[in-house]
Amino acid sequence: MREPSLRVLFGLLATLIGGATVFFRYVEGWSWIDSYFFTVVTLSTVGYGNLVPVTVVGKIATTVLIISGLGIFAVAIQRFGLYAIHKREKKLHRSHPHADHDAH
């Protein structure tokens, strides 16, 4: 099975953040910036605690956001790290094409 590309992962993440922001805006009645802030803080596991859902639907949606979003967020960060390492290795190889990078 092929791993999802960075573009797909960041697209999913952007969709999740956008959808959750709209959801919390209307379900919890928060401002746009508060809804966005809560979504990002929750996904990143920072969780300041200054915003807390009070509706039952908001609480359930938050648990779904945490479970689904954390997985997508973690994989996106991991894939971005691999991409950055690969890009650095390619740059190193171009600047030293005959160097044996595996030698100790």
N, C-alpha and C. Protein backbone atom coordinates (compact mmCIF):
# COMPACT_ATOMS: atom_id res chain seq x y z
N MET A 1 0.84 -1.18 0.00
CA MET A 1 0.00 0.00 0.00
C MET A 1 0.89 1.24 0.00
N ARG A 2 0.59 2.16 -0.87
CA ARG A 2 1.39 3.37 -1.01
C ARG A 2 1.02 4.38 0.08
N GLU A 3 2.06 5.04 0.61
CA GLU A 3 1.83 6.06 1.63
C GLU A 3 1.25 7.32 1.00
N PRO A 4 0.40 8.03 1.73
CA PRO A 4 -0.18 9.25 1.17
C PRO A 4 0.88 10.33 0.97
N SER A 5 0.70 11.11 -0.08
CA SER A 5 1.66 12.17 -0.37
C SER A 5 1.46 13.33 0.59
N LEU A 6 2.47 14.18 0.63
CA LEU A 6 2.36 15.39 1.47
C LEU A 6 1.18 16.24 1.05
N ARG A 7 0.97 16.35 -0.24
CA ARG A 7 -0.12 17.17 -0.76
C ARG A 7 -1.47 16.65 -0.25
N VAL A 8 -1.64 15.33 -0.30
CA VAL A 8 -2.89 14.73 0.18
C VAL A 8 -3.05 14.95 1.68
N LEU A 9 -1.98 14.71 2.43
CA LEU A 9 -2.04 14.88 3.89
C LEU A 9 -2.34 16.31 4.29
N PHE A 10 -1.66 17.26 3.66
CA PHE A 10 -1.91 18.66 4.02
C PHE A 10 -3.29 19.11 3.53
N GLY A 11 -3.76 18.52 2.43
CA GLY A 11 -5.12 18.79 1.98
C GLY A 11 -6.15 18.29 2.99
N LEU A 12 -5.93 17.07 3.49
CA LEU A 12 -6.81 16.52 4.53
C LEU A 12 -6.77 17.36 5.79
N LEU A 13 -5.57 17.76 6.17
CA LEU A 13 -5.40 18.57 7.37
C LEU A 13 -6.10 19.92 7.22
N ALA A 14 -5.93 20.56 6.06
CA ALA A 14 -6.58 21.85 5.81
C ALA A 14 -8.10 21.70 5.82
N THR A 15 -8.60 20.62 5.22
CA THR A 15 -10.04 20.37 5.20
C THR A 15 -10.56 20.13 6.61
N LEU A 16 -9.82 19.36 7.39
CA LEU A 16 -10.21 19.09 8.77
C LEU A 16 -10.22 20.37 9.60
N ILE A 17 -9.18 21.17 9.48
CA ILE A 17 -9.11 22.43 10.23
C ILE A 17 -10.23 23.37 9.80
N GLY A 18 -10.43 23.49 8.49
CA GLY A 18 -11.50 24.36 7.99
C GLY A 18 -12.88 23.90 8.43
N GLY A 19 -13.13 22.59 8.29
CA GLY A 19 -14.42 22.04 8.68
C GLY A 19 -14.69 22.18 10.16
N ALA A 20 -13.69 21.89 10.97
CA ALA A 20 -13.85 22.01 12.42
C ALA A 20 -14.04 23.46 12.84
N THR A 21 -13.34 24.37 12.18
CA THR A 21 -13.49 25.80 12.48
C THR A 21 -14.93 26.25 12.23
N VAL A 22 -15.47 25.87 11.07
CA VAL A 22 -16.86 26.22 10.75
C VAL A 22 -17.81 25.57 11.75
N PHE A 23 -17.57 24.30 12.06
CA PHE A 23 -18.41 23.58 13.01
C PHE A 23 -18.47 24.29 14.36
N PHE A 24 -17.31 24.58 14.93
CA PHE A 24 -17.29 25.21 16.26
C PHE A 24 -17.83 26.64 16.22
N ARG A 25 -17.67 27.30 15.10
CA ARG A 25 -18.22 28.65 14.95
C ARG A 25 -19.73 28.63 15.14
N TYR A 26 -20.39 27.67 14.50
CA TYR A 26 -21.85 27.64 14.56
C TYR A 26 -22.41 26.82 15.71
N VAL A 27 -21.76 25.72 16.07
CA VAL A 27 -22.29 24.88 17.16
C VAL A 27 -22.02 25.49 18.52
N GLU A 28 -20.81 25.98 18.73
CA GLU A 28 -20.45 26.57 20.03
C GLU A 28 -20.68 28.08 20.07
N GLY A 29 -20.86 28.70 18.90
CA GLY A 29 -21.11 30.13 18.85
C GLY A 29 -19.87 30.99 19.07
N TRP A 30 -18.69 30.38 18.89
CA TRP A 30 -17.44 31.11 19.07
C TRP A 30 -17.15 31.97 17.84
N SER A 31 -16.27 32.94 18.01
CA SER A 31 -15.83 33.75 16.87
C SER A 31 -15.04 32.86 15.92
N TRP A 32 -14.82 33.36 14.70
CA TRP A 32 -14.03 32.60 13.72
C TRP A 32 -12.62 32.33 14.24
N ILE A 33 -12.01 33.34 14.80
CA ILE A 33 -10.62 33.17 15.27
C ILE A 33 -10.56 32.22 16.46
N ASP A 34 -11.53 32.30 17.36
CA ASP A 34 -11.56 31.36 18.49
C ASP A 34 -11.79 29.93 18.02
N SER A 35 -12.66 29.76 17.05
CA SER A 35 -12.94 28.42 16.52
C SER A 35 -11.70 27.84 15.85
N TYR A 36 -11.03 28.66 15.07
CA TYR A 36 -9.79 28.22 14.41
C TYR A 36 -8.71 27.92 15.45
N PHE A 37 -8.56 28.81 16.41
CA PHE A 37 -7.55 28.64 17.46
C PHE A 37 -7.79 27.35 18.24
N PHE A 38 -9.04 27.11 18.65
CA PHE A 38 -9.37 25.89 19.38
C PHE A 38 -9.02 24.66 18.56
N THR A 39 -9.36 24.68 17.27
CA THR A 39 -9.09 23.54 16.40
C THR A 39 -7.60 23.25 16.32
N VAL A 40 -6.80 24.25 16.06
CA VAL A 40 -5.35 24.06 15.91
C VAL A 40 -4.72 23.66 17.24
N VAL A 41 -5.12 24.30 18.32
CA VAL A 41 -4.57 23.97 19.64
C VAL A 41 -4.94 22.54 20.03
N THR A 42 -6.14 22.12 19.69
CA THR A 42 -6.57 20.75 19.99
C THR A 42 -5.80 19.74 19.15
N LEU A 43 -5.67 20.00 17.85
CA LEU A 43 -4.95 19.07 16.97
C LEU A 43 -3.48 18.95 17.33
N SER A 44 -2.90 20.03 17.77
CA SER A 44 -1.47 20.01 18.10
C SER A 44 -1.21 19.48 19.51
N THR A 45 -2.25 19.15 20.22
CA THR A 45 -2.22 18.63 21.59
C THR A 45 -1.70 19.64 22.62
N VAL A 46 -1.68 20.91 22.27
CA VAL A 46 -1.27 21.94 23.23
C VAL A 46 -2.35 22.10 24.29
N GLY A 47 -3.59 22.30 23.86
CA GLY A 47 -4.72 22.36 24.76
C GLY A 47 -4.61 23.36 25.89
N TYR A 48 -4.65 24.64 25.59
CA TYR A 48 -4.56 25.67 26.63
C TYR A 48 -5.70 25.59 27.63
N GLY A 49 -6.88 25.18 27.20
CA GLY A 49 -8.02 25.06 28.10
C GLY A 49 -8.82 26.33 28.26
N ASN A 50 -8.47 27.38 27.51
CA ASN A 50 -9.23 28.62 27.63
C ASN A 50 -10.55 28.55 26.88
N LEU A 51 -10.67 27.63 25.93
CA LEU A 51 -11.93 27.39 25.24
C LEU A 51 -12.30 25.93 25.46
N VAL A 52 -13.54 25.72 25.87
CA VAL A 52 -14.01 24.36 26.14
C VAL A 52 -15.42 24.24 25.57
N PRO A 53 -15.68 23.23 24.74
CA PRO A 53 -17.03 23.04 24.22
C PRO A 53 -18.02 22.82 25.37
N VAL A 54 -19.20 23.42 25.25
CA VAL A 54 -20.20 23.26 26.30
C VAL A 54 -21.40 22.45 25.82
N THR A 55 -21.59 22.35 24.51
CA THR A 55 -22.71 21.56 23.99
C THR A 55 -22.30 20.10 23.89
N VAL A 56 -23.29 19.22 23.96
CA VAL A 56 -23.03 17.79 23.84
C VAL A 56 -22.44 17.49 22.47
N VAL A 57 -23.02 18.07 21.43
CA VAL A 57 -22.52 17.85 20.07
C VAL A 57 -21.09 18.36 19.94
N GLY A 58 -20.80 19.50 20.53
CA GLY A 58 -19.45 20.04 20.49
C GLY A 58 -18.44 19.16 21.19
N LYS A 59 -18.84 18.58 22.31
CA LYS A 59 -17.95 17.68 23.05
C LYS A 59 -17.68 16.40 22.27
N ILE A 60 -18.72 15.84 21.67
CA ILE A 60 -18.55 14.63 20.86
C ILE A 60 -17.67 14.93 19.65
N ALA A 61 -17.93 16.05 18.99
CA ALA A 61 -17.14 16.42 17.82
C ALA A 61 -15.67 16.64 18.19
N THR A 62 -15.43 17.18 19.37
CA THR A 62 -14.05 17.39 19.82
C THR A 62 -13.33 16.06 19.97
N THR A 63 -14.00 15.05 20.51
CA THR A 63 -13.35 13.75 20.64
C THR A 63 -13.06 13.14 19.27
N VAL A 64 -13.98 13.31 18.33
CA VAL A 64 -13.75 12.82 16.96
C VAL A 64 -12.60 13.59 16.33
N LEU A 65 -12.56 14.90 16.53
CA LEU A 65 -11.47 15.72 16.02
C LEU A 65 -10.13 15.26 16.57
N ILE A 66 -10.07 14.99 17.85
CA ILE A 66 -8.82 14.55 18.47
C ILE A 66 -8.37 13.21 17.89
N ILE A 67 -9.27 12.25 17.84
CA ILE A 67 -8.91 10.91 17.37
C ILE A 67 -8.51 10.92 15.90
N SER A 68 -9.32 11.53 15.05
CA SER A 68 -9.01 11.54 13.62
C SER A 68 -7.91 12.54 13.29
N GLY A 69 -8.01 13.70 13.86
CA GLY A 69 -7.07 14.77 13.53
C GLY A 69 -5.66 14.52 14.00
N LEU A 70 -5.52 13.95 15.16
CA LEU A 70 -4.18 13.69 15.69
C LEU A 70 -3.42 12.73 14.79
N GLY A 71 -4.11 11.71 14.30
CA GLY A 71 -3.47 10.77 13.38
C GLY A 71 -3.02 11.44 12.10
N ILE A 72 -3.89 12.22 11.51
CA ILE A 72 -3.55 12.93 10.27
C ILE A 72 -2.42 13.92 10.53
N PHE A 73 -2.51 14.66 11.62
CA PHE A 73 -1.50 15.65 11.98
C PHE A 73 -0.13 14.99 12.19
N ALA A 74 -0.11 13.87 12.90
CA ALA A 74 1.15 13.17 13.18
C ALA A 74 1.77 12.62 11.90
N VAL A 75 0.97 12.01 11.04
CA VAL A 75 1.49 11.46 9.79
C VAL A 75 1.98 12.58 8.89
N ALA A 76 1.26 13.70 8.84
CA ALA A 76 1.69 14.84 8.02
C ALA A 76 3.04 15.37 8.49
N ILE A 77 3.23 15.49 9.78
CA ILE A 77 4.52 15.96 10.32
C ILE A 77 5.62 14.96 9.99
N GLN A 78 5.34 13.67 10.15
CA GLN A 78 6.33 12.63 9.86
C GLN A 78 6.71 12.65 8.38
N ARG A 79 5.72 12.75 7.50
CA ARG A 79 6.00 12.77 6.05
C ARG A 79 6.77 14.03 5.67
N PHE A 80 6.44 15.16 6.29
CA PHE A 80 7.17 16.39 6.00
C PHE A 80 8.63 16.24 6.43
N GLY A 81 8.86 15.62 7.58
CA GLY A 81 10.23 15.38 8.04
C GLY A 81 11.00 14.50 7.07
N LEU A 82 10.38 13.43 6.58
CA LEU A 82 11.03 12.57 5.60
C LEU A 82 11.32 13.32 4.31
N TYR A 83 10.37 14.15 3.89
CA TYR A 83 10.56 14.96 2.68
C TYR A 83 11.76 15.89 2.85
N ALA A 84 11.86 16.55 4.00
CA ALA A 84 12.97 17.48 4.26
C ALA A 84 14.30 16.74 4.28
N ILE A 85 14.34 15.56 4.88
CA ILE A 85 15.58 14.76 4.91
C ILE A 85 15.96 14.35 3.50
N HIS A 86 14.99 13.87 2.72
CA HIS A 86 15.26 13.45 1.35
C HIS A 86 15.78 14.61 0.51
N LYS A 87 15.18 15.76 0.68
CA LYS A 87 15.60 16.95 -0.08
C LYS A 87 17.04 17.34 0.30
N ARG A 88 17.36 17.28 1.58
CA ARG A 88 18.71 17.60 2.04
C ARG A 88 19.72 16.58 1.49
N GLU A 89 19.36 15.30 1.48
CA GLU A 89 20.24 14.27 0.94
C GLU A 89 20.50 14.48 -0.55
N LYS A 90 19.47 14.85 -1.30
CA LYS A 90 19.64 15.13 -2.73
C LYS A 90 20.58 16.31 -2.94
N LYS A 91 20.42 17.35 -2.14
CA LYS A 91 21.28 18.52 -2.26
C LYS A 91 22.72 18.15 -1.93
N LEU A 92 22.92 17.36 -0.90
CA LEU A 92 24.26 16.91 -0.52
C LEU A 92 24.87 16.07 -1.62
N HIS A 93 24.08 15.19 -2.21
CA HIS A 93 24.59 14.33 -3.28
C HIS A 93 24.97 15.16 -4.51
N ARG A 94 24.20 16.20 -4.83
CA ARG A 94 24.54 17.06 -5.97
C ARG A 94 25.83 17.83 -5.74
N SER A 95 26.06 18.24 -4.50
CA SER A 95 27.28 19.01 -4.22
C SER A 95 28.50 18.12 -4.07
N HIS A 96 28.31 16.83 -3.77
CA HIS A 96 29.40 15.86 -3.63
C HIS A 96 28.99 14.55 -4.32
N PRO A 97 28.90 14.55 -5.67
CA PRO A 97 28.35 13.39 -6.37
C PRO A 97 29.15 12.10 -6.22
N HIS A 98 30.43 12.16 -5.95
CA HIS A 98 31.25 10.95 -5.87
C HIS A 98 31.58 10.55 -4.43
N ALA A 99 31.05 11.26 -3.47
CA ALA A 99 31.33 10.94 -2.07
C ALA A 99 30.53 9.72 -1.65
N ASP A 100 31.14 8.87 -0.86
CA ASP A 100 30.45 7.70 -0.33
C ASP A 100 29.86 8.10 1.03
N HIS A 101 28.55 8.35 1.05
CA HIS A 101 27.90 8.83 2.27
C HIS A 101 27.67 7.72 3.28
N ASP A 102 27.84 6.47 2.87
CA ASP A 102 27.61 5.36 3.80
C ASP A 102 28.87 4.97 4.55
N ALA A 103 30.02 5.49 4.14
CA ALA A 103 31.28 5.14 4.80
C ALA A 103 31.37 5.81 6.16
N HIS A 104 31.99 5.14 7.09
CA HIS A 104 32.12 5.70 8.45
C HIS A 104 33.50 6.19 8.67
